[in-house]
PDB file of N, CA and C in Angstrom:
ATOM      1  N   MET A   1      19.598   2.971  -0.108  1.00  0.00           N
ATOM      2  CA  MET A   1      18.950   2.737   1.141  1.00  0.00           C
ATOM      3  C   MET A   1      17.426   3.219   0.970  1.00  0.00           C
ATOM      4  N   ARG A   2      16.535   2.336   1.452  1.00  0.00           N
ATOM      5  CA  ARG A   2      15.107   2.589   1.304  1.00  0.00           C
ATOM      6  C   ARG A   2      14.625   3.571   2.407  1.00  0.00           C
ATOM      7  N   ILE A   3      13.692   4.383   2.134  1.00  0.00           N
ATOM      8  CA  ILE A   3      13.109   5.277   3.082  1.00  0.00           C
ATOM      9  C   ILE A   3      12.388   4.485   4.117  1.00  0.00           C
ATOM     10  N   ARG A   4      12.442   4.982   5.322  1.00  0.00           N
ATOM     11  CA  ARG A   4      11.681   4.335   6.497  1.00  0.00           C
ATOM     12  C   ARG A   4      10.197   4.107   6.256  1.00  0.00           C
ATOM     13  N   SER A   5       9.614   3.143   6.675  1.00  0.00           N
ATOM     14  CA  SER A   5       8.171   2.919   6.532  1.00  0.00           C
ATOM     15  C   SER A   5       7.337   4.053   7.076  1.00  0.00           C
ATOM     16  N   ASP A   6       7.618   4.486   8.259  1.00  0.00           N
ATOM     17  CA  ASP A   6       6.831   5.554   8.875  1.00  0.00           C
ATOM     18  C   ASP A   6       6.874   6.896   8.088  1.00  0.00           C
ATOM     19  N   ILE A   7       8.008   7.160   7.537  1.00  0.00           N
ATOM     20  CA  ILE A   7       8.200   8.388   6.692  1.00  0.00           C
ATOM     21  C   ILE A   7       7.423   8.191   5.385  1.00  0.00           C
ATOM     22  N   PHE A   8       7.521   7.041   4.795  1.00  0.00           N
ATOM     23  CA  PHE A   8       6.781   6.781   3.537  1.00  0.00           C
ATOM     24  C   PHE A   8       5.258   6.935   3.801  1.00  0.00           C
ATOM     25  N   VAL A   9       4.792   6.332   4.881  1.00  0.00           N
ATOM     26  CA  VAL A   9       3.300   6.403   5.157  1.00  0.00           C
ATOM     27  C   VAL A   9       2.905   7.795   5.453  1.00  0.00           C
ATOM     28  N   SER A  10       3.713   8.587   6.111  1.00  0.00           N
ATOM     29  CA  SER A  10       3.351   9.978   6.399  1.00  0.00           C
ATOM     30  C   SER A  10       3.282  10.838   5.126  1.00  0.00           C
ATOM     31  N   ALA A  11       4.277  10.599   4.236  1.00  0.00           N
ATOM     32  CA  ALA A  11       4.252  11.336   2.970  1.00  0.00           C
ATOM     33  C   ALA A  11       3.085  10.899   2.114  1.00  0.00           C
ATOM     34  N   LEU A  12       2.813   9.597   2.087  1.00  0.00           N
ATOM     35  CA  LEU A  12       1.673   9.041   1.254  1.00  0.00           C
ATOM     36  C   LEU A  12       0.333   9.677   1.736  1.00  0.00           C
ATOM     37  N   MET A  13       0.139   9.742   3.035  1.00  0.00           N
ATOM     38  CA  MET A  13      -1.085  10.344   3.621  1.00  0.00           C
ATOM     39  C   MET A  13      -1.217  11.805   3.242  1.00  0.00           C
ATOM     40  N   ARG A  14      -0.098  12.529   3.330  1.00  0.00           N
ATOM     41  CA  ARG A  14      -0.110  13.958   2.921  1.00  0.00           C
ATOM     42  C   ARG A  14      -0.533  14.116   1.442  1.00  0.00           C
ATOM     43  N   ARG A  15       0.055  13.276   0.617  1.00  0.00           N
ATOM     44  CA  ARG A  15      -0.302  13.398  -0.826  1.00  0.00           C
ATOM     45  C   ARG A  15      -1.768  13.097  -1.084  1.00  0.00           C
ATOM     46  N   VAL A  16      -2.274  12.142  -0.371  1.00  0.00           N
ATOM     47  CA  VAL A  16      -3.756  11.753  -0.453  1.00  0.00           C
ATOM     48  C   VAL A  16      -4.617  12.959  -0.054  1.00  0.00           C
ATOM     49  N   PHE A  17      -4.323  13.512   1.139  1.00  0.00           N
ATOM     50  CA  PHE A  17      -5.107  14.622   1.605  1.00  0.00           C
ATOM     51  C   PHE A  17      -5.035  15.750   0.695  1.00  0.00           C
ATOM     52  N   SER A  18      -3.837  16.055   0.162  1.00  0.00           N
ATOM     53  CA  SER A  18      -3.651  17.198  -0.783  1.00  0.00           C
ATOM     54  C   SER A  18      -4.440  16.975  -2.064  1.00  0.00           C
ATOM     55  N   ALA A  19      -4.663  15.774  -2.453  1.00  0.00           N
ATOM     56  CA  ALA A  19      -5.368  15.463  -3.661  1.00  0.00           C
ATOM     57  C   ALA A  19      -6.909  15.436  -3.382  1.00  0.00           C
ATOM     58  N   GLY A  20      -7.368  15.693  -2.161  1.00  0.00           N
ATOM     59  CA  GLY A  20      -8.729  15.670  -1.822  1.00  0.00           C
ATOM     60  C   GLY A  20      -9.326  14.417  -1.318  1.00  0.00           C
ATOM     61  N   GLY A  21      -8.492  13.431  -1.077  1.00  0.00           N
ATOM     62  CA  GLY A  21      -8.924  12.159  -0.590  1.00  0.00           C
ATOM     63  C   GLY A  21      -8.801  12.021   0.954  1.00  0.00           C
ATOM     64  N   PHE A  22      -9.030  10.829   1.452  1.00  0.00           N
ATOM     65  CA  PHE A  22      -8.898  10.495   2.813  1.00  0.00           C
ATOM     66  C   PHE A  22      -7.923   9.354   3.047  1.00  0.00           C
ATOM     67  N   ALA A  23      -7.070   9.430   4.092  1.00  0.00           N
ATOM     68  CA  ALA A  23      -6.145   8.321   4.346  1.00  0.00           C
ATOM     69  C   ALA A  23      -6.153   8.113   5.841  1.00  0.00           C
ATOM     70  N   ALA A  24      -5.955   6.877   6.254  1.00  0.00           N
ATOM     71  CA  ALA A  24      -5.801   6.541   7.682  1.00  0.00           C
ATOM     72  C   ALA A  24      -4.892   5.343   7.819  1.00  0.00           C
ATOM     73  N   VAL A  25      -4.251   5.264   9.018  1.00  0.00           N
ATOM     74  CA  VAL A  25      -3.467   4.097   9.312  1.00  0.00           C
ATOM     75  C   VAL A  25      -4.321   3.104   9.975  1.00  0.00           C
ATOM     76  N   GLU A  26      -4.618   1.957   9.336  1.00  0.00           N
ATOM     77  CA  GLU A  26      -5.500   0.928   9.843  1.00  0.00           C
ATOM     78  C   GLU A  26      -4.669   0.020  10.797  1.00  0.00           C
ATOM     79  N   GLU A  27      -3.403  -0.224  10.457  1.00  0.00           N
ATOM     80  CA  GLU A  27      -2.529  -1.103  11.266  1.00  0.00           C
ATOM     81  C   GLU A  27      -1.135  -0.466  11.131  1.00  0.00           C
ATOM     82  N   LYS A  28      -0.542  -0.217  12.333  1.00  0.00           N
ATOM     83  CA  LYS A  28       0.724   0.405  12.406  1.00  0.00           C
ATOM     84  C   LYS A  28       1.804  -0.713  12.537  1.00  0.00           C
ATOM     85  N   GLY A  29       2.775  -0.772  11.648  1.00  0.00           N
ATOM     86  CA  GLY A  29       3.837  -1.792  11.663  1.00  0.00           C
ATOM     87  C   GLY A  29       5.119  -1.260  12.167  1.00  0.00           C
ATOM     88  N   ALA A  30       6.193  -1.917  11.866  1.00  0.00           N
ATOM     89  CA  ALA A  30       7.553  -1.517  12.275  1.00  0.00           C
ATOM     90  C   ALA A  30       7.921  -0.226  11.593  1.00  0.00           C
ATOM     91  N   GLU A  31       8.420   0.764  12.358  1.00  0.00           N
ATOM     92  CA  GLU A  31       8.655   2.075  11.876  1.00  0.00           C
ATOM     93  C   GLU A  31       9.704   2.131  10.819  1.00  0.00           C
ATOM     94  N   GLU A  32      10.758   1.337  11.003  1.00  0.00           N
ATOM     95  CA  GLU A  32      11.869   1.360  10.085  1.00  0.00           C
ATOM     96  C   GLU A  32      11.671   0.634   8.831  1.00  0.00           C
ATOM     97  N   ALA A  33      11.166  -0.634   8.932  1.00  0.00           N
ATOM     98  CA  ALA A  33      11.178  -1.505   7.700  1.00  0.00           C
ATOM     99  C   ALA A  33       9.983  -2.375   7.575  1.00  0.00           C
ATOM    100  N   GLY A  34       8.790  -2.009   8.188  1.00  0.00           N
ATOM    101  CA  GLY A  34       7.632  -2.753   8.027  1.00  0.00           C
ATOM    102  C   GLY A  34       7.121  -2.730   6.578  1.00  0.00           C
ATOM    103  N   ALA A  35       6.596  -3.849   6.140  1.00  0.00           N
ATOM    104  CA  ALA A  35       5.995  -3.893   4.774  1.00  0.00           C
ATOM    105  C   ALA A  35       4.717  -3.052   4.846  1.00  0.00           C
ATOM    106  N   VAL A  36       4.400  -2.388   3.721  1.00  0.00           N
ATOM    107  CA  VAL A  36       3.291  -1.506   3.610  1.00  0.00           C
ATOM    108  C   VAL A  36       2.223  -2.017   2.627  1.00  0.00           C
ATOM    109  N   PHE A  37       1.031  -2.231   3.110  1.00  0.00           N
ATOM    110  CA  PHE A  37      -0.078  -2.667   2.221  1.00  0.00           C
ATOM    111  C   PHE A  37      -1.086  -1.455   2.195  1.00  0.00           C
ATOM    112  N   ILE A  38      -1.629  -1.314   1.007  1.00  0.00           N
ATOM    113  CA  ILE A  38      -2.522  -0.167   0.799  1.00  0.00           C
ATOM    114  C   ILE A  38      -3.891  -0.741   0.397  1.00  0.00           C
ATOM    115  N   ARG A  39      -4.867  -0.298   1.160  1.00  0.00           N
ATOM    116  CA  ARG A  39      -6.304  -0.757   0.905  1.00  0.00           C
ATOM    117  C   ARG A  39      -7.092   0.472   0.459  1.00  0.00           C
ATOM    118  N   GLN A  40      -7.419   0.440  -0.788  1.00  0.00           N
ATOM    119  CA  GLN A  40      -8.168   1.551  -1.427  1.00  0.00           C
ATOM    120  C   GLN A  40      -9.717   1.193  -1.418  1.00  0.00           C
ATOM    121  N   ARG A  41     -10.418   2.044  -0.750  1.00  0.00           N
ATOM    122  CA  ARG A  41     -11.882   1.837  -0.723  1.00  0.00           C
ATOM    123  C   ARG A  41     -12.562   2.674  -1.778  1.00  0.00           C
ATOM    124  N   LEU A  42     -13.288   2.093  -2.639  1.00  0.00           N
ATOM    125  CA  LEU A  42     -13.933   2.820  -3.786  1.00  0.00           C
ATOM    126  C   LEU A  42     -15.318   3.102  -3.450  1.00  0.00           C
ATOM    127  N   ARG A  43     -15.909   4.097  -4.126  1.00  0.00           N
ATOM    128  CA  ARG A  43     -17.317   4.585  -4.026  1.00  0.00           C
ATOM    129  C   ARG A  43     -18.345   3.482  -4.072  1.00  0.00           C
ATOM    130  N   ASP A  44     -18.112   2.549  -4.937  1.00  0.00           N
ATOM    131  CA  ASP A  44     -19.057   1.521  -5.206  1.00  0.00           C
ATOM    132  C   ASP A  44     -19.136   0.419  -4.179  1.00  0.00           C
ATOM    133  N   GLY A  45     -18.277   0.603  -3.127  1.00  0.00           N
ATOM    134  CA  GLY A  45     -18.269  -0.353  -2.017  1.00  0.00           C
ATOM    135  C   GLY A  45     -17.186  -1.438  -2.116  1.00  0.00           C
ATOM    136  N   THR A  46     -16.536  -1.479  -3.266  1.00  0.00           N
ATOM    137  CA  THR A  46     -15.512  -2.495  -3.434  1.00  0.00           C
ATOM    138  C   THR A  46     -14.117  -1.916  -2.947  1.00  0.00           C
ATOM    139  N   GLU A  47     -13.137  -2.841  -2.961  1.00  0.00           N
ATOM    140  CA  GLU A  47     -11.835  -2.395  -2.499  1.00  0.00           C
ATOM    141  C   GLU A  47     -10.784  -2.977  -3.409  1.00  0.00           C
ATOM    142  N   THR A  48      -9.627  -2.310  -3.490  1.00  0.00           N
ATOM    143  CA  THR A  48      -8.453  -2.789  -4.197  1.00  0.00           C
ATOM    144  C   THR A  48      -7.279  -2.763  -3.179  1.00  0.00           C
ATOM    145  N   VAL A  49      -6.512  -3.874  -3.186  1.00  0.00           N
ATOM    146  CA  VAL A  49      -5.417  -4.007  -2.271  1.00  0.00           C
ATOM    147  C   VAL A  49      -4.102  -3.981  -3.035  1.00  0.00           C
ATOM    148  N   TYR A  50      -3.186  -3.153  -2.639  1.00  0.00           N
ATOM    149  CA  TYR A  50      -1.827  -3.112  -3.187  1.00  0.00           C
ATOM    150  C   TYR A  50      -0.826  -3.592  -2.131  1.00  0.00           C
ATOM    151  N   ALA A  51       0.076  -4.444  -2.581  1.00  0.00           N
ATOM    152  CA  ALA A  51       1.056  -5.077  -1.755  1.00  0.00           C
ATOM    153  C   ALA A  51       2.477  -4.713  -2.198  1.00  0.00           C
ATOM    154  N   PRO A  52       3.466  -4.912  -1.364  1.00  0.00           N
ATOM    155  CA  PRO A  52       4.818  -4.626  -1.825  1.00  0.00           C
ATOM    156  C   PRO A  52       5.172  -5.424  -3.039  1.00  0.00           C
ATOM    157  N   ALA A  53       5.756  -4.892  -4.033  1.00  0.00           N
ATOM    158  CA  ALA A  53       6.153  -5.655  -5.257  1.00  0.00           C
ATOM    159  C   ALA A  53       7.231  -6.561  -4.929  1.00  0.00           C
ATOM    160  N   PRO A  54       7.306  -7.730  -5.619  1.00  0.00           N
ATOM    161  CA  PRO A  54       8.399  -8.654  -5.490  1.00  0.00           C
ATOM    162  C   PRO A  54       9.772  -7.972  -5.826  1.00  0.00           C
ATOM    163  N   GLN A  55      10.806  -8.504  -5.229  1.00  0.00           N
ATOM    164  CA  GLN A  55      12.177  -7.938  -5.580  1.00  0.00           C
ATOM    165  C   GLN A  55      12.617  -7.893  -7.025  1.00  0.00           C
ATOM    166  N   ASN A  56      12.085  -8.822  -7.848  1.00  0.00           N
ATOM    167  CA  ASN A  56      12.540  -8.875  -9.173  1.00  0.00           C
ATOM    168  C   ASN A  56      12.036  -7.605 -10.039  1.00  0.00           C
ATOM    169  N   PHE A  57      11.254  -6.724  -9.469  1.00  0.00           N
ATOM    170  CA  PHE A  57      10.869  -5.497 -10.090  1.00  0.00           C
ATOM    171  C   PHE A  57      11.888  -4.295  -9.853  1.00  0.00           C
ATOM    172  N   PHE A  58      12.979  -4.672  -9.202  1.00  0.00           N
ATOM    173  CA  PHE A  58      13.992  -3.609  -8.854  1.00  0.00           C
ATOM    174  C   PHE A  58      15.235  -4.075  -9.551  1.00  0.00           C
ATOM    175  N   GLU A  59      15.414  -3.525 -10.794  1.00  0.00           N
ATOM    176  CA  GLU A  59      16.495  -3.946 -11.614  1.00  0.00           C
ATOM    177  C   GLU A  59      17.803  -3.309 -11.133  1.00  0.00           C
ATOM    178  N   ASP A  60      17.757  -1.964 -10.837  1.00  0.00           N
ATOM    179  CA  ASP A  60      19.024  -1.268 -10.473  1.00  0.00           C
ATOM    180  C   ASP A  60      18.839  -0.795  -9.044  1.00  0.00           C
ATOM    181  N   GLU A  61      20.042  -0.353  -8.587  1.00  0.00           N
ATOM    182  CA  GLU A  61      20.096   0.071  -7.189  1.00  0.00           C
ATOM    183  C   GLU A  61      19.249   1.392  -6.876  1.00  0.00           C
ATOM    184  N   GLN A  62      19.177   2.300  -7.872  1.00  0.00           N
ATOM    185  CA  GLN A  62      18.459   3.479  -7.694  1.00  0.00           C
ATOM    186  C   GLN A  62      16.987   3.163  -7.486  1.00  0.00           C
ATOM    187  N   LYS A  63      16.380   2.241  -8.256  1.00  0.00           N
ATOM    188  CA  LYS A  63      15.032   1.911  -8.146  1.00  0.00           C
ATOM    189  C   LYS A  63      14.757   1.092  -6.907  1.00  0.00           C
ATOM    190  N   ALA A  64      15.745   0.473  -6.375  1.00  0.00           N
ATOM    191  CA  ALA A  64      15.594  -0.442  -5.172  1.00  0.00           C
ATOM    192  C   ALA A  64      15.282   0.477  -3.982  1.00  0.00           C
ATOM    193  N   THR A  65      15.588   1.777  -3.999  1.00  0.00           N
ATOM    194  CA  THR A  65      15.272   2.603  -2.861  1.00  0.00           C
ATOM    195  C   THR A  65      13.850   3.101  -2.859  1.00  0.00           C
ATOM    196  N   GLU A  66      13.174   2.965  -3.978  1.00  0.00           N
ATOM    197  CA  GLU A  66      11.819   3.373  -4.154  1.00  0.00           C
ATOM    198  C   GLU A  66      10.883   2.295  -3.825  1.00  0.00           C
ATOM    199  N   ARG A  67       9.839   2.657  -3.030  1.00  0.00           N
ATOM    200  CA  ARG A  67       8.841   1.603  -2.728  1.00  0.00           C
ATOM    201  C   ARG A  67       7.871   1.434  -3.947  1.00  0.00           C
ATOM    202  N   ARG A  68       7.677   0.178  -4.331  1.00  0.00           N
ATOM    203  CA  ARG A  68       6.805  -0.120  -5.466  1.00  0.00           C
ATOM    204  C   ARG A  68       5.783  -1.146  -5.016  1.00  0.00           C
ATOM    205  N   PHE A  69       4.625  -1.050  -5.675  1.00  0.00           N
ATOM    206  CA  PHE A  69       3.556  -1.920  -5.239  1.00  0.00           C
ATOM    207  C   PHE A  69       2.986  -2.664  -6.382  1.00  0.00           C
ATOM    208  N   GLU A  70       2.366  -3.849  -6.101  1.00  0.00           N
ATOM    209  CA  GLU A  70       1.582  -4.587  -7.072  1.00  0.00           C
ATOM    210  C   GLU A  70       0.155  -4.613  -6.660  1.00  0.00           C
ATOM    211  N   LYS A  71      -0.738  -4.682  -7.593  1.00  0.00           N
ATOM    212  CA  LYS A  71      -2.189  -4.819  -7.361  1.00  0.00           C
ATOM    213  C   LYS A  71      -2.443  -6.289  -6.970  1.00  0.00           C
ATOM    214  N   ARG A  72      -2.754  -6.563  -5.760  1.00  0.00           N
ATOM    215  CA  ARG A  72      -2.988  -7.932  -5.291  1.00  0.00           C
ATOM    216  C   ARG A  72      -4.445  -8.341  -5.487  1.00  0.00           C
ATOM    217  N   LEU A  73      -5.393  -7.410  -5.239  1.00  0.00           N
ATOM    218  CA  LEU A  73      -6.837  -7.675  -5.393  1.00  0.00           C
ATOM    219  C   LEU A  73      -7.396  -6.427  -6.005  1.00  0.00           C
ATOM    220  N   GLU A  74      -8.331  -6.587  -6.901  1.00  0.00           N
ATOM    221  CA  GLU A  74      -8.944  -5.442  -7.663  1.00  0.00           C
ATOM    222  C   GLU A  74     -10.469  -5.522  -7.548  1.00  0.00           C
ATOM    223  N   ARG A  75     -11.051  -4.473  -6.941  1.00  0.00           N
ATOM    224  CA  ARG A  75     -12.493  -4.333  -6.907  1.00  0.00           C
ATOM    225  C   ARG A  75     -13.216  -5.515  -6.330  1.00  0.00           C
ATOM    226  N   VAL A  76     -12.800  -5.948  -5.068  1.00  0.00           N
ATOM    227  CA  VAL A  76     -13.430  -7.130  -4.489  1.00  0.00           C
ATOM    228  C   VAL A  76     -14.318  -6.585  -3.285  1.00  0.00           C
ATOM    229  N   ALA A  77     -15.070  -7.509  -2.749  1.00  0.00           N
ATOM    230  CA  ALA A  77     -15.888  -7.174  -1.574  1.00  0.00           C
ATOM    231  C   ALA A  77     -14.948  -6.935  -0.388  1.00  0.00           C
ATOM    232  N   PRO A  78     -15.353  -6.046   0.557  1.00  0.00           N
ATOM    233  CA  PRO A  78     -14.548  -5.707   1.680  1.00  0.00           C
ATOM    234  C   PRO A  78     -14.068  -6.933   2.490  1.00  0.00           C
ATOM    235  N   ASP A  79     -14.931  -7.879   2.679  1.00  0.00           N
ATOM    236  CA  ASP A  79     -14.520  -9.114   3.458  1.00  0.00           C
ATOM    237  C   ASP A  79     -13.415  -9.846   2.775  1.00  0.00           C
ATOM    238  N   VAL A  80     -13.298  -9.839   1.378  1.00  0.00           N
ATOM    239  CA  VAL A  80     -12.242 -10.540   0.768  1.00  0.00           C
ATOM    240  C   VAL A  80     -10.919  -9.858   0.994  1.00  0.00           C
ATOM    241  N   ALA A  81     -10.947  -8.534   0.984  1.00  0.00           N
ATOM    242  CA  ALA A  81      -9.777  -7.751   1.347  1.00  0.00           C
ATOM    243  C   ALA A  81      -9.317  -7.946   2.741  1.00  0.00           C
ATOM    244  N   THR A  82     -10.257  -7.885   3.611  1.00  0.00           N
ATOM    245  CA  THR A  82      -9.980  -8.150   5.151  1.00  0.00           C
ATOM    246  C   THR A  82      -9.317  -9.474   5.307  1.00  0.00           C
ATOM    247  N   GLU A  83      -9.814 -10.534   4.620  1.00  0.00           N
ATOM    248  CA  GLU A  83      -9.305 -11.852   4.770  1.00  0.00           C
ATOM    249  C   GLU A  83      -7.815 -11.884   4.245  1.00  0.00           C
ATOM    250  N   LEU A  84      -7.605 -11.306   3.103  1.00  0.00           N
ATOM    251  CA  LEU A  84      -6.227 -11.280   2.602  1.00  0.00           C
ATOM    252  C   LEU A  84      -5.302 -10.607   3.547  1.00  0.00           C
ATOM    253  N   LEU A  85      -5.680  -9.455   4.167  1.00  0.00           N
ATOM    254  CA  LEU A  85      -4.844  -8.712   5.082  1.00  0.00           C
ATOM    255  C   LEU A  85      -4.673  -9.477   6.387  1.00  0.00           C
ATOM    256  N   ALA A  86      -5.604 -10.137   6.782  1.00  0.00           N
ATOM    257  CA  ALA A  86      -5.474 -11.004   8.024  1.00  0.00           C
ATOM    258  C   ALA A  86      -4.462 -12.137   7.819  1.00  0.00           C
ATOM    259  N   ARG A  87      -4.428 -12.757   6.591  1.00  0.00           N
ATOM    260  CA  ARG A  87      -3.423 -13.707   6.340  1.00  0.00           C
ATOM    261  C   ARG A  87      -2.030 -13.147   6.307  1.00  0.00           C
ATOM    262  N   GLU A  88      -1.978 -11.981   5.661  1.00  0.00           N
ATOM    263  CA  GLU A  88      -0.609 -11.313   5.585  1.00  0.00           C
ATOM    264  C   GLU A  88      -0.235 -10.900   7.024  1.00  0.00           C
ATOM    265  N   ARG A  89      -1.079 -10.503   7.953  1.00  0.00           N
ATOM    266  CA  ARG A  89      -0.732 -10.123   9.286  1.00  0.00           C
ATOM    267  C   ARG A  89      -0.152 -11.392  10.107  1.00  0.00           C
ATOM    268  N   ARG A  90      -0.811 -12.505   9.879  1.00  0.00           N
ATOM    269  CA  ARG A  90      -0.340 -13.765  10.456  1.00  0.00           C
ATOM    270  C   ARG A  90       1.085 -14.098  10.013  1.00  0.00           C
ATOM    271  N   PHE A  91       1.379 -13.776   8.802  1.00  0.00           N
ATOM    272  CA  PHE A  91       2.710 -14.088   8.235  1.00  0.00           C
ATOM    273  C   PHE A  91       3.714 -13.105   8.617  1.00  0.00           C
ATOM    274  N   ASP A  92       3.313 -11.831   8.762  1.00  0.00           N
ATOM    275  CA  ASP A  92       4.245 -10.678   9.097  1.00  0.00           C
ATOM    276  C   ASP A  92       3.503  -9.763  10.099  1.00  0.00           C
ATOM    277  N   GLY A  93       3.777  -9.866  11.268  1.00  0.00           N
ATOM    278  CA  GLY A  93       3.143  -8.979  12.307  1.00  0.00           C
ATOM    279  C   GLY A  93       3.617  -7.520  12.303  1.00  0.00           C
ATOM    280  N   ASP A  94       4.681  -7.238  11.490  1.00  0.00           N
ATOM    281  CA  ASP A  94       5.201  -5.904  11.497  1.00  0.00           C
ATOM    282  C   ASP A  94       4.674  -5.025  10.321  1.00  0.00           C
ATOM    283  N   LEU A  95       3.694  -5.512   9.606  1.00  0.00           N
ATOM    284  CA  LEU A  95       3.278  -4.785   8.481  1.00  0.00           C
ATOM    285  C   LEU A  95       2.299  -3.555   8.771  1.00  0.00           C
ATOM    286  N   TRP A  96       2.317  -2.691   7.875  1.00  0.00           N
ATOM    287  CA  TRP A  96       1.411  -1.544   7.922  1.00  0.00           C
ATOM    288  C   TRP A  96       0.222  -1.763   6.987  1.00  0.00           C
ATOM    289  N   VAL A  97      -0.935  -1.292   7.374  1.00  0.00           N
ATOM    290  CA  VAL A  97      -2.098  -1.253   6.491  1.00  0.00           C
ATOM    291  C   VAL A  97      -2.588   0.136   6.442  1.00  0.00           C
ATOM    292  N   ILE A  98      -2.598   0.690   5.221  1.00  0.00           N
ATOM    293  CA  ILE A  98      -2.991   2.140   5.044  1.00  0.00           C
ATOM    294  C   ILE A  98      -4.296   2.083   4.235  1.00  0.00           C
ATOM    295  N   GLU A  99      -5.334   2.748   4.753  1.00  0.00           N
ATOM    296  CA  GLU A  99      -6.615   2.811   4.117  1.00  0.00           C
ATOM    297  C   GLU A  99      -6.794   4.124   3.391  1.00  0.00           C
ATOM    298  N   LEU A 100      -7.119   4.023   2.069  1.00  0.00           N
ATOM    299  CA  LEU A 100      -7.296   5.215   1.297  1.00  0.00           C
ATOM    300  C   LEU A 100      -8.755   5.304   0.840  1.00  0.00           C
ATOM    301  N   GLU A 101      -9.325   6.448   0.776  1.00  0.00           N
ATOM    302  CA  GLU A 101     -10.603   6.697   0.137  1.00  0.00           C
ATOM    303  C   GLU A 101     -10.316   7.805  -0.892  1.00  0.00           C
ATOM    304  N   THR A 102     -10.025   7.381  -2.022  1.00  0.00           N
ATOM    305  CA  THR A 102      -9.748   8.235  -3.210  1.00  0.00           C
ATOM    306  C   THR A 102     -10.153   7.539  -4.503  1.00  0.00           C
ATOM    307  N   ASP A 103     -10.548   8.290  -5.484  1.00  0.00           N
ATOM    308  CA  ASP A 103     -10.939   7.689  -6.698  1.00  0.00           C
ATOM    309  C   ASP A 103      -9.744   7.178  -7.522  1.00  0.00           C
ATOM    310  N   GLY A 104      -8.662   7.935  -7.459  1.00  0.00           N
ATOM    311  CA  GLY A 104      -7.454   7.541  -8.291  1.00  0.00           C
ATOM    312  C   GLY A 104      -6.286   7.463  -7.445  1.00  0.00           C
ATOM    313  N   ILE A 105      -5.332   6.656  -7.868  1.00  0.00           N
ATOM    314  CA  ILE A 105      -4.081   6.547  -7.117  1.00  0.00           C
ATOM    315  C   ILE A 105      -2.924   7.203  -7.970  1.00  0.00           C
ATOM    316  N   GLU A 106      -3.110   7.701  -9.120  1.00  0.00           N
ATOM    317  CA  GLU A 106      -2.089   8.198 -10.014  1.00  0.00           C
ATOM    318  C   GLU A 106      -1.305   9.202  -9.241  1.00  0.00           C
ATOM    319  N   GLY A 107       0.020   9.073  -9.221  1.00  0.00           N
ATOM    320  CA  GLY A 107       0.868  10.023  -8.603  1.00  0.00           C
ATOM    321  C   GLY A 107       1.061   9.844  -7.153  1.00  0.00           C
ATOM    322  N   LEU A 108       0.390   8.902  -6.492  1.00  0.00           N
ATOM    323  CA  LEU A 108       0.430   8.723  -5.077  1.00  0.00           C
ATOM    324  C   LEU A 108       1.626   7.694  -4.677  1.00  0.00           C
ATOM    325  N   PHE A 109       1.713   6.667  -5.433  1.00  0.00           N
ATOM    326  CA  PHE A 109       2.768   5.613  -5.224  1.00  0.00           C
ATOM    327  C   PHE A 109       2.902   4.834  -6.519  1.00  0.00           C
ATOM    328  N   ALA A 110       4.009   4.160  -6.620  1.00  0.00           N
ATOM    329  CA  ALA A 110       4.439   3.468  -7.880  1.00  0.00           C
ATOM    330  C   ALA A 110       3.825   2.100  -7.847  1.00  0.00           C
ATOM    331  N   VAL A 111       3.128   1.733  -8.928  1.00  0.00           N
ATOM    332  CA  VAL A 111       2.456   0.439  -9.154  1.00  0.00           C
ATOM    333  C   VAL A 111       3.233  -0.248 -10.371  1.00  0.00           C
ATOM    334  N   VAL A 112       3.650  -1.473 -10.157  1.00  0.00           N
ATOM    335  CA  VAL A 112       4.292  -2.205 -11.195  1.00  0.00           C
ATOM    336  C   VAL A 112       3.283  -3.064 -11.933  1.00  0.00           C
ATOM    337  N   ASP A 113       3.517  -3.384 -13.111  1.00  0.00           N
ATOM    338  CA  ASP A 113       2.721  -4.217 -13.955  1.00  0.00           C
ATOM    339  C   ASP A 113       3.413  -5.630 -14.086  1.00  0.00           C
ATOM    340  N   PRO A 114       2.779  -6.605 -13.396  1.00  0.00           N
ATOM    341  CA  PRO A 114       3.371  -7.904 -13.466  1.00  0.00           C
ATOM    342  C   PRO A 114       3.375  -8.594 -14.797  1.00  0.00           C
ATOM    343  N   GLY A 115       2.712  -8.103 -15.761  1.00  0.00           N
ATOM    344  CA  GLY A 115       2.597  -8.716 -17.064  1.00  0.00           C
ATOM    345  C   GLY A 115       3.753  -8.359 -17.922  1.00  0.00           C
TER     346      GLY A 115
END
C-alpha cells in the first residue's frame, strides 16, 4: 500500500527544511492519492520538474509502495515549467505541486533513470 499523498508531501517538506532548503505547497491535491509533481527552483533562475514515474519502474510489490519520480524537464525557464504543470492540472485536477528551493535533491525523494 502506498503512503498517502498528504503524508508524503509533509515528510518531503520536513526533509527539505532540515537540509537547509525551502519548500511550499503550490497546489494542494487529493489527500489520499493525488499525483505529486515537484518543481525545483534553482539559483540561476531555471527550474527542474519531477513527475510521478511510470508504473513500469515498479518491478516488485515492495518498491510499488515507494513514490518514485522521473525528471520531466531540466533547467528550463519558469514559464516552460508553468506551462507543463498547467497541462497536467487540466488532465488531473487532483494533483499536488510542491515547490522546492534547494541546490540538491539527493536523499529527498527517489528519482528513476529512464535510460
